[in-house]
Amino acid sequence: MLKSVLVVIAVSIAAGATIRAWAFAAFAFLLVTALGIVILLKGSSLTETVVSCLEVLVLMEICYLAGLFAFSLWGHIQKRRKKNAIVDRSPATGKGPHG
């Protein structure tokens, strides 16, 4: 179960950096539905299955948002570095103000 949770976390974080929210929602719904079927086939009660599926769904959503935030922050930092590098160089020499 721990390996499955780690895979779900990794996939959700990667999805936050690459796909839109509606696509992730569809993916998460299909994945949780399949997980619920597997849990039911193993003999768990319906209540246990629903609780487990909701836990996985919440974990996926949190990891998706974390990935989305991290990717956006990283992009913002990269843009700022690029902007600062362009502003710091002199147009005539390509060197900084003190170089």
C-alpha atoms as a PDB file:
ATOM      1  CA  MET A   1       0.000   0.000   0.000  1.00  0.00           C
ATOM      2  CA  LEU A   2       2.887   2.368   0.755  1.00  0.00           C
ATOM      3  CA  LYS A   3       4.290   1.906  -2.745  1.00  0.00           C
ATOM      4  CA  SER A   4       0.890   2.728  -4.209  1.00  0.00           C
ATOM      5  CA  VAL A   5       0.634   5.887  -2.125  1.00  0.00           C
ATOM      6  CA  LEU A   6       4.115   6.987  -3.203  1.00  0.00           C
ATOM      7  CA  VAL A   7       3.216   6.412  -6.854  1.00  0.00           C
ATOM      8  CA  VAL A   8      -0.019   8.393  -6.419  1.00  0.00           C
ATOM      9  CA  ILE A   9       1.905  11.262  -4.811  1.00  0.00           C
ATOM     10  CA  ALA A  10       4.561  11.327  -7.544  1.00  0.00           C
ATOM     11  CA  VAL A  11       2.021  11.151 -10.371  1.00  0.00           C
ATOM     12  CA  SER A  12      -0.147  13.852  -8.807  1.00  0.00           C
ATOM     13  CA  ILE A  13       2.768  16.249  -8.328  1.00  0.00           C
ATOM     14  CA  ALA A  14       3.945  15.655 -11.893  1.00  0.00           C
ATOM     15  CA  ALA A  15       0.398  16.195 -13.133  1.00  0.00           C
ATOM     16  CA  GLY A  16       0.272  19.535 -11.342  1.00  0.00           C
ATOM     17  CA  ALA A  17       3.183  20.653 -13.473  1.00  0.00           C
ATOM     18  CA  THR A  18       1.878  19.366 -16.778  1.00  0.00           C
ATOM     19  CA  ILE A  19      -1.881  18.982 -17.172  1.00  0.00           C
ATOM     20  CA  ARG A  20      -4.977  21.112 -16.688  1.00  0.00           C
ATOM     21  CA  ALA A  21      -7.254  20.743 -13.661  1.00  0.00           C
ATOM     22  CA  TRP A  22     -10.174  19.234 -15.608  1.00  0.00           C
ATOM     23  CA  ALA A  23      -7.900  16.563 -17.093  1.00  0.00           C
ATOM     24  CA  PHE A  24      -6.501  15.737 -13.680  1.00  0.00           C
ATOM     25  CA  ALA A  25     -10.003  15.561 -12.206  1.00  0.00           C
ATOM     26  CA  ALA A  26     -11.031  13.027 -14.852  1.00  0.00           C
ATOM     27  CA  PHE A  27      -7.828  11.045 -14.294  1.00  0.00           C
ATOM     28  CA  ALA A  28      -8.270  11.075 -10.518  1.00  0.00           C
ATOM     29  CA  PHE A  29     -11.905   9.992 -10.770  1.00  0.00           C
ATOM     30  CA  LEU A  30     -11.029   7.047 -13.023  1.00  0.00           C
ATOM     31  CA  LEU A  31      -8.098   6.020 -10.845  1.00  0.00           C
ATOM     32  CA  VAL A  32     -10.110   6.182  -7.611  1.00  0.00           C
ATOM     33  CA  THR A  33     -12.980   4.266  -9.216  1.00  0.00           C
ATOM     34  CA  ALA A  34     -10.588   1.501 -10.292  1.00  0.00           C
ATOM     35  CA  LEU A  35      -9.028   1.464  -6.825  1.00  0.00           C
ATOM     36  CA  GLY A  36     -12.481   1.170  -5.254  1.00  0.00           C
ATOM     37  CA  ILE A  37     -13.324  -1.802  -7.448  1.00  0.00           C
ATOM     38  CA  VAL A  38     -10.075  -3.524  -6.483  1.00  0.00           C
ATOM     39  CA  ILE A  39     -10.697  -2.893  -2.786  1.00  0.00           C
ATOM     40  CA  LEU A  40     -14.249  -4.229  -3.054  1.00  0.00           C
ATOM     41  CA  LEU A  41     -13.041  -7.348  -4.871  1.00  0.00           C
ATOM     42  CA  LYS A  42     -10.575  -8.017  -2.049  1.00  0.00           C
ATOM     43  CA  GLY A  43     -13.537  -8.319   0.301  1.00  0.00           C
ATOM     44  CA  SER A  44     -13.658  -5.005   2.120  1.00  0.00           C
ATOM     45  CA  SER A  45     -16.955  -3.475   3.130  1.00  0.00           C
ATOM     46  CA  LEU A  46     -18.508  -0.683   1.130  1.00  0.00           C
ATOM     47  CA  THR A  47     -17.884   1.809   3.948  1.00  0.00           C
ATOM     48  CA  GLU A  48     -14.179   0.941   4.159  1.00  0.00           C
ATOM     49  CA  THR A  49     -13.907   1.195   0.398  1.00  0.00           C
ATOM     50  CA  VAL A  50     -15.527   4.622   0.244  1.00  0.00           C
ATOM     51  CA  VAL A  51     -13.336   5.945   3.066  1.00  0.00           C
ATOM     52  CA  SER A  52     -10.172   4.599   1.422  1.00  0.00           C
ATOM     53  CA  CYS A  53     -11.127   6.084  -1.944  1.00  0.00           C
ATOM     54  CA  LEU A  54     -11.866   9.469  -0.416  1.00  0.00           C
ATOM     55  CA  GLU A  55      -8.516   9.442   1.384  1.00  0.00           C
ATOM     56  CA  VAL A  56      -6.688   8.705  -1.863  1.00  0.00           C
ATOM     57  CA  LEU A  57      -8.684  11.356  -3.721  1.00  0.00           C
ATOM     58  CA  VAL A  58      -7.884  14.018  -1.106  1.00  0.00           C
ATOM     59  CA  LEU A  59      -4.204  13.033  -1.173  1.00  0.00           C
ATOM     60  CA  MET A  60      -4.172  13.271  -4.967  1.00  0.00           C
ATOM     61  CA  GLU A  61      -5.771  16.702  -4.954  1.00  0.00           C
ATOM     62  CA  ILE A  62      -3.347  18.049  -2.331  1.00  0.00           C
ATOM     63  CA  CYS A  63      -0.357  16.719  -4.261  1.00  0.00           C
ATOM     64  CA  TYR A  64      -1.736  18.118  -7.535  1.00  0.00           C
ATOM     65  CA  LEU A  65      -2.076  21.563  -5.976  1.00  0.00           C
ATOM     66  CA  ALA A  66       1.416  21.301  -4.475  1.00  0.00           C
ATOM     67  CA  GLY A  67       2.851  20.414  -7.879  1.00  0.00           C
ATOM     68  CA  LEU A  68       0.930  23.230  -9.543  1.00  0.00           C
ATOM     69  CA  PHE A  69       2.170  25.729  -6.943  1.00  0.00           C
ATOM     70  CA  ALA A  70       5.775  24.531  -7.142  1.00  0.00           C
ATOM     71  CA  PHE A  71       5.820  24.619 -10.946  1.00  0.00           C
ATOM     72  CA  SER A  72       4.271  28.101 -11.036  1.00  0.00           C
ATOM     73  CA  LEU A  73       6.718  29.388  -8.438  1.00  0.00           C
ATOM     74  CA  TRP A  74       9.654  27.904 -10.328  1.00  0.00           C
ATOM     75  CA  GLY A  75       8.477  29.539 -13.569  1.00  0.00           C
ATOM     76  CA  HIS A  76       8.053  32.877 -11.828  1.00  0.00           C
ATOM     77  CA  ILE A  77      11.576  32.675 -10.382  1.00  0.00           C
ATOM     78  CA  GLN A  78      13.021  31.800 -13.803  1.00  0.00           C
ATOM     79  CA  LYS A  79      11.260  34.752 -15.450  1.00  0.00           C
ATOM     80  CA  ARG A  80      12.503  37.102 -12.741  1.00  0.00           C
ATOM     81  CA  ARG A  81      16.102  35.849 -13.138  1.00  0.00           C
ATOM     82  CA  LYS A  82      15.925  36.313 -16.890  1.00  0.00           C
ATOM     83  CA  LYS A  83      14.441  39.796 -16.524  1.00  0.00           C
ATOM     84  CA  ASN A  84      17.096  40.814 -13.982  1.00  0.00           C
ATOM     85  CA  ALA A  85      19.887  39.461 -16.197  1.00  0.00           C
ATOM     86  CA  ILE A  86      18.656  41.528 -19.142  1.00  0.00           C
ATOM     87  CA  VAL A  87      18.268  44.708 -17.064  1.00  0.00           C
ATOM     88  CA  ASP A  88      21.732  44.380 -15.506  1.00  0.00           C
ATOM     89  CA  ARG A  89      23.635  44.299 -18.832  1.00  0.00           C
ATOM     90  CA  SER A  90      24.645  47.382 -20.724  1.00  0.00           C
ATOM     91  CA  PRO A  91      23.282  47.434 -24.280  1.00  0.00           C
ATOM     92  CA  ALA A  92      26.581  48.655 -25.768  1.00  0.00           C
ATOM     93  CA  THR A  93      29.038  46.305 -24.091  1.00  0.00           C
ATOM     94  CA  GLY A  94      26.890  43.461 -22.794  1.00  0.00           C
ATOM     95  CA  LYS A  95      28.585  43.882 -19.433  1.00  0.00           C
ATOM     96  CA  GLY A  96      27.073  44.842 -16.111  1.00  0.00           C
ATOM     97  CA  PRO A  97      27.112  48.389 -14.721  1.00  0.00           C
ATOM     98  CA  HIS A  98      30.383  47.776 -12.818  1.00  0.00           C
ATOM     99  CA  GLY A  99      32.180  45.651 -15.394  1.00  0.00           C
END
